[in-house]
Amino acid sequence: MAKRKSSLQSHKNHGTLDQIKCPNCGTFIPITETLNHQLKEATRHELEKEFSTKFIQQKEKLEKDAIKKAEEEVSVEIKDYKKQLQEKNKKFQKKIFPRQFNGQEKSSLKPTSSLLIDYT
């Protein structure tokens, strides 16, 4: 207890209660400033770490979503092109072999599977 009173008395003589005396140089250092700075640094570091983690997760999610959307769009386009090619192929076959497609006389020329292109 005696030591505590003497340190309190030294604070009264040389500084306030929110200061501590550096044992090496004897300079009085404000405790609130030191603690405030340490808390700010610790909080800043923690927030930066959390932000970085969330940023990376969000970036990965957006990239996956963009890839999925692009694949879906390309898939739809490919299906459309296949359908267009099948329709053009069918029209082409009707021009080359009109009797087979119209149900008229059978010609000696018959469409072969090699001429009918399957785009599926």
PDB file of N, CA and C in Angstrom:
ATOM      1  N   MET A   1       0.820  -1.201   0.000  1.00  0.00           N
ATOM      2  CA  MET A   1       0.000   0.000   0.000  1.00  0.00           C
ATOM      3  C   MET A   1       0.855   1.252   0.000  1.00  0.00           C
ATOM      4  N   ALA A   2       1.932   1.186   0.704  1.00  0.00           N
ATOM      5  CA  ALA A   2       2.793   2.354   0.796  1.00  0.00           C
ATOM      6  C   ALA A   2       3.354   2.706  -0.567  1.00  0.00           C
ATOM      7  N   LYS A   3       3.698   1.692  -1.317  1.00  0.00           N
ATOM      8  CA  LYS A   3       4.240   1.937  -2.654  1.00  0.00           C
ATOM      9  C   LYS A   3       3.197   2.575  -3.561  1.00  0.00           C
ATOM     10  N   ARG A   4       1.966   2.125  -3.422  1.00  0.00           N
ATOM     11  CA  ARG A   4       0.909   2.679  -4.248  1.00  0.00           C
ATOM     12  C   ARG A   4       0.687   4.147  -3.919  1.00  0.00           C
ATOM     13  N   LYS A   5       0.688   4.487  -2.657  1.00  0.00           N
ATOM     14  CA  LYS A   5       0.515   5.885  -2.275  1.00  0.00           C
ATOM     15  C   LYS A   5       1.641   6.739  -2.833  1.00  0.00           C
ATOM     16  N   SER A   6       2.856   6.190  -2.803  1.00  0.00           N
ATOM     17  CA  SER A   6       3.982   6.986  -3.293  1.00  0.00           C
ATOM     18  C   SER A   6       3.885   7.193  -4.796  1.00  0.00           C
ATOM     19  N   SER A   7       3.409   6.168  -5.536  1.00  0.00           N
ATOM     20  CA  SER A   7       3.265   6.354  -6.980  1.00  0.00           C
ATOM     21  C   SER A   7       2.144   7.326  -7.280  1.00  0.00           C
ATOM     22  N   LEU A   8       1.073   7.292  -6.483  1.00  0.00           N
ATOM     23  CA  LEU A   8       0.004   8.266  -6.669  1.00  0.00           C
ATOM     24  C   LEU A   8       0.508   9.662  -6.345  1.00  0.00           C
ATOM     25  N   GLN A   9       1.299   9.763  -5.312  1.00  0.00           N
ATOM     26  CA  GLN A   9       1.845  11.071  -4.958  1.00  0.00           C
ATOM     27  C   GLN A   9       2.760  11.563  -6.064  1.00  0.00           C
ATOM     28  N   SER A  10       3.553  10.668  -6.657  1.00  0.00           N
ATOM     29  CA  SER A  10       4.436  11.110  -7.729  1.00  0.00           C
ATOM     30  C   SER A  10       3.632  11.565  -8.937  1.00  0.00           C
ATOM     31  N   HIS A  11       2.495  10.929  -9.172  1.00  0.00           N
ATOM     32  CA  HIS A  11       1.620  11.383 -10.258  1.00  0.00           C
ATOM     33  C   HIS A  11       1.084  12.770  -9.941  1.00  0.00           C
ATOM     34  N   LYS A  12       0.742  12.993  -8.690  1.00  0.00           N
ATOM     35  CA  LYS A  12       0.224  14.311  -8.312  1.00  0.00           C
ATOM     36  C   LYS A  12       1.299  15.368  -8.473  1.00  0.00           C
ATOM     37  N   ASN A  13       2.512  14.990  -8.185  1.00  0.00           N
ATOM     38  CA  ASN A  13       3.593  15.953  -8.276  1.00  0.00           C
ATOM     39  C   ASN A  13       4.055  16.186  -9.711  1.00  0.00           C
ATOM     40  N   HIS A  14       4.012  15.147 -10.539  1.00  0.00           N
ATOM     41  CA  HIS A  14       4.592  15.254 -11.872  1.00  0.00           C
ATOM     42  C   HIS A  14       3.613  15.031 -13.021  1.00  0.00           C
ATOM     43  N   GLY A  15       2.435  14.590 -12.779  1.00  0.00           N
ATOM     44  CA  GLY A  15       1.494  14.342 -13.858  1.00  0.00           C
ATOM     45  C   GLY A  15       0.135  14.041 -13.309  1.00  0.00           C
ATOM     46  N   THR A  16      -0.771  13.654 -14.204  1.00  0.00           N
ATOM     47  CA  THR A  16      -2.122  13.324 -13.789  1.00  0.00           C
ATOM     48  C   THR A  16      -2.261  11.818 -13.679  1.00  0.00           C
ATOM     49  N   LEU A  17      -3.427  11.364 -13.198  1.00  0.00           N
ATOM     50  CA  LEU A  17      -3.658   9.927 -13.025  1.00  0.00           C
ATOM     51  C   LEU A  17      -3.764   9.178 -14.348  1.00  0.00           C
ATOM     52  N   ASP A  18      -4.023   9.882 -15.436  1.00  0.00           N
ATOM     53  CA  ASP A  18      -4.127   9.198 -16.718  1.00  0.00           C
ATOM     54  C   ASP A  18      -2.776   9.158 -17.438  1.00  0.00           C
ATOM     55  N   GLN A  19      -1.695   9.319 -16.685  1.00  0.00           N
ATOM     56  CA  GLN A  19      -0.360   9.240 -17.253  1.00  0.00           C
ATOM     57  C   GLN A  19       0.470   8.225 -16.488  1.00  0.00           C
ATOM     58  N   ILE A  20       1.418   7.655 -17.203  1.00  0.00           N
ATOM     59  CA  ILE A  20       2.381   6.776 -16.541  1.00  0.00           C
ATOM     60  C   ILE A  20       3.773   7.306 -16.861  1.00  0.00           C
ATOM     61  N   LYS A  21       4.689   6.996 -15.982  1.00  0.00           N
ATOM     62  CA  LYS A  21       6.067   7.453 -16.162  1.00  0.00           C
ATOM     63  C   LYS A  21       6.862   6.323 -16.794  1.00  0.00           C
ATOM     64  N   CYS A  22       7.557   6.624 -17.891  1.00  0.00           N
ATOM     65  CA  CYS A  22       8.408   5.641 -18.552  1.00  0.00           C
ATOM     66  C   CYS A  22       9.564   5.308 -17.620  1.00  0.00           C
ATOM     67  N   PRO A  23       9.766   4.018 -17.322  1.00  0.00           N
ATOM     68  CA  PRO A  23      10.845   3.641 -16.409  1.00  0.00           C
ATOM     69  C   PRO A  23      12.240   3.895 -16.993  1.00  0.00           C
ATOM     70  N   ASN A  24      12.348   3.982 -18.316  1.00  0.00           N
ATOM     71  CA  ASN A  24      13.649   4.177 -18.957  1.00  0.00           C
ATOM     72  C   ASN A  24      14.050   5.653 -19.040  1.00  0.00           C
ATOM     73  N   CYS A  25      13.133   6.490 -19.535  1.00  0.00           N
ATOM     74  CA  CYS A  25      13.497   7.889 -19.764  1.00  0.00           C
ATOM     75  C   CYS A  25      12.849   8.851 -18.771  1.00  0.00           C
ATOM     76  N   GLY A  26      11.847   8.409 -18.038  1.00  0.00           N
ATOM     77  CA  GLY A  26      11.192   9.262 -17.056  1.00  0.00           C
ATOM     78  C   GLY A  26      10.123  10.163 -17.627  1.00  0.00           C
ATOM     79  N   THR A  27       9.844  10.038 -18.902  1.00  0.00           N
ATOM     80  CA  THR A  27       8.816  10.864 -19.540  1.00  0.00           C
ATOM     81  C   THR A  27       7.440  10.355 -19.149  1.00  0.00           C
ATOM     82  N   PHE A  28       6.529  11.309 -18.924  1.00  0.00           N
ATOM     83  CA  PHE A  28       5.148  10.932 -18.625  1.00  0.00           C
ATOM     84  C   PHE A  28       4.405  10.715 -19.944  1.00  0.00           C
ATOM     85  N   ILE A  29       3.733   9.566 -20.015  1.00  0.00           N
ATOM     86  CA  ILE A  29       2.999   9.185 -21.228  1.00  0.00           C
ATOM     87  C   ILE A  29       1.527   9.089 -20.878  1.00  0.00           C
ATOM     88  N   PRO A  30       0.668   9.791 -21.657  1.00  0.00           N
ATOM     89  CA  PRO A  30      -0.773   9.705 -21.390  1.00  0.00           C
ATOM     90  C   PRO A  30      -1.294   8.292 -21.686  1.00  0.00           C
ATOM     91  N   ILE A  31      -1.924   7.691 -20.708  1.00  0.00           N
ATOM     92  CA  ILE A  31      -2.459   6.330 -20.857  1.00  0.00           C
ATOM     93  C   ILE A  31      -3.589   6.306 -21.869  1.00  0.00           C
ATOM     94  N   THR A  32      -4.487   7.254 -21.796  1.00  0.00           N
ATOM     95  CA  THR A  32      -5.640   7.256 -22.702  1.00  0.00           C
ATOM     96  C   THR A  32      -5.197   7.364 -24.145  1.00  0.00           C
ATOM     97  N   GLU A  33      -4.201   8.159 -24.439  1.00  0.00           N
ATOM     98  CA  GLU A  33      -3.707   8.269 -25.808  1.00  0.00           C
ATOM     99  C   GLU A  33      -3.108   6.958 -26.273  1.00  0.00           C
ATOM    100  N   THR A  34      -2.310   6.344 -25.421  1.00  0.00           N
ATOM    101  CA  THR A  34      -1.658   5.082 -25.765  1.00  0.00           C
ATOM    102  C   THR A  34      -2.691   3.982 -25.997  1.00  0.00           C
ATOM    103  N   LEU A  35      -3.629   3.849 -25.065  1.00  0.00           N
ATOM    104  CA  LEU A  35      -4.670   2.834 -25.204  1.00  0.00           C
ATOM    105  C   LEU A  35      -5.556   3.113 -26.415  1.00  0.00           C
ATOM    106  N   ASN A  36      -5.881   4.372 -26.608  1.00  0.00           N
ATOM    107  CA  ASN A  36      -6.714   4.761 -27.743  1.00  0.00           C
ATOM    108  C   ASN A  36      -6.017   4.380 -29.054  1.00  0.00           C
ATOM    109  N   HIS A  37      -4.741   4.678 -29.147  1.00  0.00           N
ATOM    110  CA  HIS A  37      -3.980   4.347 -30.354  1.00  0.00           C
ATOM    111  C   HIS A  37      -3.929   2.830 -30.567  1.00  0.00           C
ATOM    112  N   GLN A  38      -3.669   2.077 -29.499  1.00  0.00           N
ATOM    113  CA  GLN A  38      -3.605   0.618 -29.599  1.00  0.00           C
ATOM    114  C   GLN A  38      -4.953   0.036 -30.020  1.00  0.00           C
ATOM    115  N   LEU A  39      -6.027   0.552 -29.450  1.00  0.00           N
ATOM    116  CA  LEU A  39      -7.371   0.073 -29.816  1.00  0.00           C
ATOM    117  C   LEU A  39      -7.689   0.393 -31.271  1.00  0.00           C
ATOM    118  N   LYS A  40      -7.333   1.594 -31.704  1.00  0.00           N
ATOM    119  CA  LYS A  40      -7.578   1.970 -33.101  1.00  0.00           C
ATOM    120  C   LYS A  40      -6.807   1.056 -34.045  1.00  0.00           C
ATOM    121  N   GLU A  41      -5.546   0.804 -33.742  1.00  0.00           N
ATOM    122  CA  GLU A  41      -4.734  -0.058 -34.593  1.00  0.00           C
ATOM    123  C   GLU A  41      -5.276  -1.492 -34.625  1.00  0.00           C
ATOM    124  N   ALA A  42      -5.632  -2.005 -33.466  1.00  0.00           N
ATOM    125  CA  ALA A  42      -6.170  -3.378 -33.403  1.00  0.00           C
ATOM    126  C   ALA A  42      -7.490  -3.467 -34.161  1.00  0.00           C
ATOM    127  N   THR A  43      -8.351  -2.480 -33.983  1.00  0.00           N
ATOM    128  CA  THR A  43      -9.644  -2.459 -34.674  1.00  0.00           C
ATOM    129  C   THR A  43      -9.441  -2.328 -36.179  1.00  0.00           C
ATOM    130  N   ARG A  44      -8.539  -1.425 -36.597  1.00  0.00           N
ATOM    131  CA  ARG A  44      -8.257  -1.220 -38.014  1.00  0.00           C
ATOM    132  C   ARG A  44      -7.751  -2.521 -38.640  1.00  0.00           C
ATOM    133  N   HIS A  45      -6.819  -3.165 -37.954  1.00  0.00           N
ATOM    134  CA  HIS A  45      -6.266  -4.416 -38.468  1.00  0.00           C
ATOM    135  C   HIS A  45      -7.354  -5.482 -38.597  1.00  0.00           C
ATOM    136  N   GLU A  46      -8.192  -5.601 -37.598  1.00  0.00           N
ATOM    137  CA  GLU A  46      -9.272  -6.597 -37.615  1.00  0.00           C
ATOM    138  C   GLU A  46     -10.269  -6.306 -38.734  1.00  0.00           C
ATOM    139  N   LEU A  47     -10.626  -5.042 -38.904  1.00  0.00           N
ATOM    140  CA  LEU A  47     -11.570  -4.670 -39.957  1.00  0.00           C
ATOM    141  C   LEU A  47     -10.969  -4.899 -41.344  1.00  0.00           C
ATOM    142  N   GLU A  48      -9.707  -4.582 -41.518  1.00  0.00           N
ATOM    143  CA  GLU A  48      -9.050  -4.822 -42.800  1.00  0.00           C
ATOM    144  C   GLU A  48      -9.047  -6.313 -43.136  1.00  0.00           C
ATOM    145  N   LYS A  49      -8.757  -7.124 -42.137  1.00  0.00           N
ATOM    146  CA  LYS A  49      -8.744  -8.580 -42.343  1.00  0.00           C
ATOM    147  C   LYS A  49     -10.134  -9.089 -42.722  1.00  0.00           C
ATOM    148  N   GLU A  50     -11.144  -8.615 -41.996  1.00  0.00           N
ATOM    149  CA  GLU A  50     -12.523  -9.027 -42.275  1.00  0.00           C
ATOM    150  C   GLU A  50     -12.963  -8.547 -43.652  1.00  0.00           C
ATOM    151  N   PHE A  51     -12.632  -7.299 -43.982  1.00  0.00           N
ATOM    152  CA  PHE A  51     -13.000  -6.741 -45.284  1.00  0.00           C
ATOM    153  C   PHE A  51     -12.331  -7.525 -46.403  1.00  0.00           C
ATOM    154  N   SER A  52     -11.056  -7.841 -46.214  1.00  0.00           N
ATOM    155  CA  SER A  52     -10.320  -8.580 -47.228  1.00  0.00           C
ATOM    156  C   SER A  52     -10.948  -9.946 -47.465  1.00  0.00           C
ATOM    157  N   THR A  53     -11.297 -10.633 -46.395  1.00  0.00           N
ATOM    158  CA  THR A  53     -11.925 -11.954 -46.509  1.00  0.00           C
ATOM    159  C   THR A  53     -13.267 -11.853 -47.223  1.00  0.00           C
ATOM    160  N   LYS A  54     -14.093 -10.897 -46.811  1.00  0.00           N
ATOM    161  CA  LYS A  54     -15.409 -10.736 -47.448  1.00  0.00           C
ATOM    162  C   LYS A  54     -15.262 -10.325 -48.903  1.00  0.00           C
ATOM    163  N   PHE A  55     -14.279  -9.459 -49.186  1.00  0.00           N
ATOM    164  CA  PHE A  55     -14.055  -9.009 -50.555  1.00  0.00           C
ATOM    165  C   PHE A  55     -13.695 -10.191 -51.448  1.00  0.00           C
ATOM    166  N   ILE A  56     -12.791 -11.034 -50.982  1.00  0.00           N
ATOM    167  CA  ILE A  56     -12.373 -12.202 -51.768  1.00  0.00           C
ATOM    168  C   ILE A  56     -13.550 -13.152 -51.993  1.00  0.00           C
ATOM    169  N   GLN A  57     -14.345 -13.377 -50.949  1.00  0.00           N
ATOM    170  CA  GLN A  57     -15.506 -14.267 -51.082  1.00  0.00           C
ATOM    171  C   GLN A  57     -16.512 -13.694 -52.079  1.00  0.00           C
ATOM    172  N   GLN A  58     -16.771 -12.396 -51.979  1.00  0.00           N
ATOM    173  CA  GLN A  58     -17.738 -11.757 -52.888  1.00  0.00           C
ATOM    174  C   GLN A  58     -17.218 -11.790 -54.321  1.00  0.00           C
ATOM    175  N   LYS A  59     -15.922 -11.548 -54.496  1.00  0.00           N
ATOM    176  CA  LYS A  59     -15.324 -11.579 -55.832  1.00  0.00           C
ATOM    177  C   LYS A  59     -15.465 -12.968 -56.447  1.00  0.00           C
ATOM    178  N   GLU A  60     -15.162 -14.018 -55.661  1.00  0.00           N
ATOM    179  CA  GLU A  60     -15.288 -15.386 -56.160  1.00  0.00           C
ATOM    180  C   GLU A  60     -16.732 -15.714 -56.521  1.00  0.00           C
ATOM    181  N   LYS A  61     -17.677 -15.262 -55.706  1.00  0.00           N
ATOM    182  CA  LYS A  61     -19.095 -15.511 -55.976  1.00  0.00           C
ATOM    183  C   LYS A  61     -19.519 -14.818 -57.274  1.00  0.00           C
ATOM    184  N   LEU A  62     -19.100 -13.560 -57.446  1.00  0.00           N
ATOM    185  CA  LEU A  62     -19.451 -12.823 -58.662  1.00  0.00           C
ATOM    186  C   LEU A  62     -18.842 -13.479 -59.897  1.00  0.00           C
ATOM    187  N   GLU A  63     -17.603 -13.958 -59.777  1.00  0.00           N
ATOM    188  CA  GLU A  63     -16.972 -14.628 -60.909  1.00  0.00           C
ATOM    189  C   GLU A  63     -17.726 -15.911 -61.275  1.00  0.00           C
ATOM    190  N   LYS A  64     -18.094 -16.692 -60.268  1.00  0.00           N
ATOM    191  CA  LYS A  64     -18.844 -17.923 -60.528  1.00  0.00           C
ATOM    192  C   LYS A  64     -20.196 -17.613 -61.161  1.00  0.00           C
ATOM    193  N   ASP A  65     -20.879 -16.593 -60.634  1.00  0.00           N
ATOM    194  CA  ASP A  65     -22.181 -16.209 -61.188  1.00  0.00           C
ATOM    195  C   ASP A  65     -22.042 -15.738 -62.630  1.00  0.00           C
ATOM    196  N   ALA A  66     -20.995 -14.965 -62.906  1.00  0.00           N
ATOM    197  CA  ALA A  66     -20.786 -14.464 -64.264  1.00  0.00           C
ATOM    198  C   ALA A  66     -20.499 -15.610 -65.231  1.00  0.00           C
ATOM    199  N   ILE A  67     -19.692 -16.555 -64.793  1.00  0.00           N
ATOM    200  CA  ILE A  67     -19.378 -17.714 -65.642  1.00  0.00           C
ATOM    201  C   ILE A  67     -20.632 -18.531 -65.898  1.00  0.00           C
ATOM    202  N   LYS A  68     -21.422 -18.756 -64.858  1.00  0.00           N
ATOM    203  CA  LYS A  68     -22.651 -19.537 -65.005  1.00  0.00           C
ATOM    204  C   LYS A  68     -23.613 -18.843 -65.969  1.00  0.00           C
ATOM    205  N   LYS A  69     -23.759 -17.531 -65.814  1.00  0.00           N
ATOM    206  CA  LYS A  69     -24.661 -16.780 -66.690  1.00  0.00           C
ATOM    207  C   LYS A  69     -24.169 -16.828 -68.134  1.00  0.00           C
ATOM    208  N   ALA A  70     -22.869 -16.659 -68.327  1.00  0.00           N
ATOM    209  CA  ALA A  70     -22.309 -16.710 -69.685  1.00  0.00           C
ATOM    210  C   ALA A  70     -22.517 -18.089 -70.304  1.00  0.00           C
ATOM    211  N   GLU A  71     -22.302 -19.140 -69.518  1.00  0.00           N
ATOM    212  CA  GLU A  71     -22.506 -20.494 -70.028  1.00  0.00           C
ATOM    213  C   GLU A  71     -23.959 -20.723 -70.409  1.00  0.00           C
ATOM    214  N   GLU A  72     -24.882 -20.217 -69.598  1.00  0.00           N
ATOM    215  CA  GLU A  72     -26.301 -20.371 -69.904  1.00  0.00           C
ATOM    216  C   GLU A  72     -26.657 -19.625 -71.191  1.00  0.00           C
ATOM    217  N   GLU A  73     -26.135 -18.405 -71.334  1.00  0.00           N
ATOM    218  CA  GLU A  73     -26.422 -17.622 -72.539  1.00  0.00           C
ATOM    219  C   GLU A  73     -25.852 -18.294 -73.773  1.00  0.00           C
ATOM    220  N   VAL A  74     -24.633 -18.790 -73.675  1.00  0.00           N
ATOM    221  CA  VAL A  74     -24.008 -19.473 -74.808  1.00  0.00           C
ATOM    222  C   VAL A  74     -24.777 -20.743 -75.136  1.00  0.00           C
ATOM    223  N   SER A  75     -25.222 -21.451 -74.120  1.00  0.00           N
ATOM    224  CA  SER A  75     -25.986 -22.676 -74.335  1.00  0.00           C
ATOM    225  C   SER A  75     -27.276 -22.383 -75.101  1.00  0.00           C
ATOM    226  N   VAL A  76     -27.950 -21.316 -74.728  1.00  0.00           N
ATOM    227  CA  VAL A  76     -29.189 -20.926 -75.420  1.00  0.00           C
ATOM    228  C   VAL A  76     -28.871 -20.557 -76.871  1.00  0.00           C
ATOM    229  N   GLU A  77     -27.794 -19.808 -77.084  1.00  0.00           N
ATOM    230  CA  GLU A  77     -27.417 -19.431 -78.449  1.00  0.00           C
ATOM    231  C   GLU A  77     -27.088 -20.664 -79.283  1.00  0.00           C
ATOM    232  N   ILE A  78     -26.368 -21.592 -78.698  1.00  0.00           N
ATOM    233  CA  ILE A  78     -26.007 -22.817 -79.427  1.00  0.00           C
ATOM    234  C   ILE A  78     -27.269 -23.596 -79.803  1.00  0.00           C
ATOM    235  N   LYS A  79     -28.206 -23.698 -78.880  1.00  0.00           N
ATOM    236  CA  LYS A  79     -29.461 -24.399 -79.183  1.00  0.00           C
ATOM    237  C   LYS A  79     -30.207 -23.696 -80.314  1.00  0.00           C
ATOM    238  N   ASP A  80     -30.229 -22.361 -80.276  1.00  0.00           N
ATOM    239  CA  ASP A  80     -30.884 -21.609 -81.349  1.00  0.00           C
ATOM    240  C   ASP A  80     -30.205 -21.863 -82.693  1.00  0.00           C
ATOM    241  N   TYR A  81     -28.871 -21.844 -82.702  1.00  0.00           N
ATOM    242  CA  TYR A  81     -28.146 -22.083 -83.949  1.00  0.00           C
ATOM    243  C   TYR A  81     -28.375 -23.500 -84.455  1.00  0.00           C
ATOM    244  N   LYS A  82     -28.407 -24.471 -83.554  1.00  0.00           N
ATOM    245  CA  LYS A  82     -28.685 -25.850 -83.961  1.00  0.00           C
ATOM    246  C   LYS A  82     -30.063 -25.956 -84.598  1.00  0.00           C
ATOM    247  N   LYS A  83     -31.032 -25.289 -83.982  1.00  0.00           N
ATOM    248  CA  LYS A  83     -32.399 -25.329 -84.517  1.00  0.00           C
ATOM    249  C   LYS A  83     -32.436 -24.686 -85.900  1.00  0.00           C
ATOM    250  N   GLN A  84     -31.755 -23.544 -86.052  1.00  0.00           N
ATOM    251  CA  GLN A  84     -31.714 -22.878 -87.355  1.00  0.00           C
ATOM    252  C   GLN A  84     -31.045 -23.770 -88.401  1.00  0.00           C
ATOM    253  N   LEU A  85     -29.952 -24.424 -88.026  1.00  0.00           N
ATOM    254  CA  LEU A  85     -29.258 -25.316 -88.956  1.00  0.00           C
ATOM    255  C   LEU A  85     -30.134 -26.505 -89.341  1.00  0.00           C
ATOM    256  N   GLN A  86     -30.856 -27.054 -88.374  1.00  0.00           N
ATOM    257  CA  GLN A  86     -31.757 -28.172 -88.681  1.00  0.00           C
ATOM    258  C   GLN A  86     -32.848 -27.736 -89.648  1.00  0.00           C
ATOM    259  N   GLU A  87     -33.391 -26.536 -89.436  1.00  0.00           N
ATOM    260  CA  GLU A  87     -34.430 -26.035 -90.340  1.00  0.00           C
ATOM    261  C   GLU A  87     -33.869 -25.801 -91.736  1.00  0.00           C
ATOM    262  N   LYS A  88     -32.673 -25.220 -91.820  1.00  0.00           N
ATOM    263  CA  LYS A  88     -32.046 -24.985 -93.125  1.00  0.00           C
ATOM    264  C   LYS A  88     -31.717 -26.305 -93.814  1.00  0.00           C
ATOM    265  N   ASN A  89     -31.257 -27.269 -93.035  1.00  0.00           N
ATOM    266  CA  ASN A  89     -30.946 -28.584 -93.586  1.00  0.00           C
ATOM    267  C   ASN A  89     -32.218 -29.243 -94.131  1.00  0.00           C
ATOM    268  N   LYS A  90     -33.295 -29.103 -93.390  1.00  0.00           N
ATOM    269  CA  LYS A  90     -34.565 -29.689 -93.837  1.00  0.00           C
ATOM    270  C   LYS A  90     -35.033 -29.023 -95.137  1.00  0.00           C
ATOM    271  N   LYS A  91     -34.928 -27.698 -95.231  1.00  0.00           N
ATOM    272  CA  LYS A  91     -35.309 -26.984 -96.454  1.00  0.00           C
ATOM    273  C   LYS A  91     -34.423 -27.409 -97.613  1.00  0.00           C
ATOM    274  N   PHE A  92     -33.134 -27.542 -97.322  1.00  0.00           N
ATOM    275  CA  PHE A  92     -32.184 -27.970 -98.342  1.00  0.00           C
ATOM    276  C   PHE A  92     -32.543 -29.361 -98.853  1.00  0.00           C
ATOM    277  N   GLN A  93     -32.852 -30.265 -97.939  1.00  0.00           N
ATOM    278  CA  GLN A  93     -33.219 -31.626 -98.318  1.00  0.00           C
ATOM    279  C   GLN A  93     -34.512 -31.629 -99.139  1.00  0.00           C
ATOM    280  N   LYS A  94     -35.455 -30.754 -98.793  1.00  0.00           N
ATOM    281  CA  LYS A  94     -36.711 -30.688 -99.550  1.00  0.00           C
ATOM    282  C   LYS A  94     -36.453 -30.221-100.976  1.00  0.00           C
ATOM    283  N   LYS A  95     -35.491 -29.323-101.143  1.00  0.00           N
ATOM    284  CA  LYS A  95     -35.181 -28.840-102.495  1.00  0.00           C
ATOM    285  C   LYS A  95     -34.502 -29.936-103.314  1.00  0.00           C
ATOM    286  N   ILE A  96     -33.626 -30.675-102.678  1.00  0.00           N
ATOM    287  CA  ILE A  96     -32.901 -31.711-103.404  1.00  0.00           C
ATOM    288  C   ILE A  96     -33.787 -32.920-103.673  1.00  0.00           C
ATOM    289  N   PHE A  97     -34.601 -33.299-102.683  1.00  0.00           N
ATOM    290  CA  PHE A  97     -35.454 -34.477-102.796  1.00  0.00           C
ATOM    291  C   PHE A  97     -36.907 -34.087-102.544  1.00  0.00           C
ATOM    292  N   PRO A  98     -37.519 -33.321-103.441  1.00  0.00           N
ATOM    293  CA  PRO A  98     -38.875 -32.826-103.172  1.00  0.00           C
ATOM    294  C   PRO A  98     -39.930 -33.928-103.141  1.00  0.00           C
ATOM    295  N   ARG A  99     -39.786 -34.970-103.922  1.00  0.00           N
ATOM    296  CA  ARG A  99     -40.816 -36.007-103.969  1.00  0.00           C
ATOM    297  C   ARG A  99     -40.886 -36.802-102.670  1.00  0.00           C
ATOM    298  N   GLN A 100     -39.762 -37.052-102.037  1.00  0.00           N
ATOM    299  CA  GLN A 100     -39.789 -37.807-100.787  1.00  0.00           C
ATOM    300  C   GLN A 100     -40.455 -36.989 -99.677  1.00  0.00           C
ATOM    301  N   PHE A 101     -40.280 -35.692 -99.697  1.00  0.00           N
ATOM    302  CA  PHE A 101     -40.834 -34.858 -98.637  1.00  0.00           C
ATOM    303  C   PHE A 101     -42.291 -34.489 -98.886  1.00  0.00           C
ATOM    304  N   ASN A 102     -42.726 -34.530-100.170  1.00  0.00           N
ATOM    305  CA  ASN A 102     -44.106 -34.183-100.486  1.00  0.00           C
ATOM    306  C   ASN A 102     -45.006 -35.419-100.578  1.00  0.00           C
ATOM    307  N   GLY A 103     -44.424 -36.579-100.425  1.00  0.00           N
ATOM    308  CA  GLY A 103     -45.222 -37.811-100.481  1.00  0.00           C
ATOM    309  C   GLY A 103     -45.584 -38.198-101.892  1.00  0.00           C
ATOM    310  N   GLN A 104     -44.911 -37.668-102.893  1.00  0.00           N
ATOM    311  CA  GLN A 104     -45.185 -38.007-104.288  1.00  0.00           C
ATOM    312  C   GLN A 104     -44.355 -39.217-104.692  1.00  0.00           C
ATOM    313  N   GLU A 105     -44.216 -39.386-105.995  1.00  0.00           N
ATOM    314  CA  GLU A 105     -43.480 -40.537-106.509  1.00  0.00           C
ATOM    315  C   GLU A 105     -42.104 -40.643-105.876  1.00  0.00           C
ATOM    316  N   LYS A 106     -41.693 -41.880-105.775  1.00  0.00           N
ATOM    317  CA  LYS A 106     -40.363 -42.099-105.233  1.00  0.00           C
ATOM    318  C   LYS A 106     -39.366 -42.012-106.364  1.00  0.00           C
ATOM    319  N   SER A 107     -38.364 -41.235-106.110  1.00  0.00           N
ATOM    320  CA  SER A 107     -37.310 -41.052-107.092  1.00  0.00           C
ATOM    321  C   SER A 107     -36.236 -42.108-106.862  1.00  0.00           C
ATOM    322  N   SER A 108     -35.447 -42.290-107.876  1.00  0.00           N
ATOM    323  CA  SER A 108     -34.338 -43.219-107.702  1.00  0.00           C
ATOM    324  C   SER A 108     -33.282 -42.626-106.771  1.00  0.00           C
ATOM    325  N   LEU A 109     -33.325 -41.290-106.619  1.00  0.00           N
ATOM    326  CA  LEU A 109     -32.404 -40.639-105.675  1.00  0.00           C
ATOM    327  C   LEU A 109     -33.072 -40.573-104.308  1.00  0.00           C
ATOM    328  N   LYS A 110     -32.459 -41.157-103.345  1.00  0.00           N
ATOM    329  CA  LYS A 110     -33.023 -41.144-102.003  1.00  0.00           C
ATOM    330  C   LYS A 110     -32.069 -40.402-101.072  1.00  0.00           C
ATOM    331  N   PRO A 111     -32.617 -39.638-100.149  1.00  0.00           N
ATOM    332  CA  PRO A 111     -31.716 -38.973 -99.202  1.00  0.00           C
ATOM    333  C   PRO A 111     -31.072 -40.015 -98.291  1.00  0.00           C
ATOM    334  N   THR A 112     -29.809 -39.858 -98.100  1.00  0.00           N
ATOM    335  CA  THR A 112     -29.107 -40.786 -97.225  1.00  0.00           C
ATOM    336  C   THR A 112     -28.845 -40.116 -95.891  1.00  0.00           C
ATOM    337  N   SER A 113     -28.540 -40.944 -94.937  1.00  0.00           N
ATOM    338  CA  SER A 113     -28.287 -40.397 -93.599  1.00  0.00           C
ATOM    339  C   SER A 113     -27.073 -39.484 -93.606  1.00  0.00           C
ATOM    340  N   SER A 114     -26.157 -39.671 -94.564  1.00  0.00           N
ATOM    341  CA  SER A 114     -24.976 -38.815 -94.603  1.00  0.00           C
ATOM    342  C   SER A 114     -25.349 -37.402 -95.057  1.00  0.00           C
ATOM    343  N   LEU A 115     -26.439 -37.277 -95.794  1.00  0.00           N
ATOM    344  CA  LEU A 115     -26.873 -35.946 -96.216  1.00  0.00           C
ATOM    345  C   LEU A 115     -27.685 -35.248 -95.128  1.00  0.00           C
ATOM    346  N   LEU A 116     -28.372 -36.011 -94.340  1.00  0.00           N
ATOM    347  CA  LEU A 116     -29.140 -35.427 -93.258  1.00  0.00           C
ATOM    348  C   LEU A 116     -28.211 -35.224 -92.061  1.00  0.00           C
ATOM    349  N   ILE A 117     -27.998 -33.993 -91.741  1.00  0.00           N
ATOM    350  CA  ILE A 117     -27.049 -33.671 -90.681  1.00  0.00           C
ATOM    351  C   ILE A 117     -27.795 -33.507 -89.362  1.00  0.00           C
ATOM    352  N   ASP A 118     -27.328 -34.196 -88.378  1.00  0.00           N
ATOM    353  CA  ASP A 118     -27.933 -34.103 -87.044  1.00  0.00           C
ATOM    354  C   ASP A 118     -27.099 -33.131 -86.217  1.00  0.00           C
ATOM    355  N   TYR A 119     -27.707 -32.038 -85.802  1.00  0.00           N
ATOM    356  CA  TYR A 119     -26.987 -30.993 -85.055  1.00  0.00           C
ATOM    357  C   TYR A 119     -27.257 -31.071 -83.555  1.00  0.00           C
ATOM    358  N   THR A 120     -27.803 -32.158 -83.119  1.00  0.00           N
ATOM    359  CA  THR A 120     -28.094 -32.249 -81.683  1.00  0.00           C
ATOM    360  C   THR A 120     -26.926 -32.778 -80.915  1.00  0.00           C
TER     361      THR A 120
END
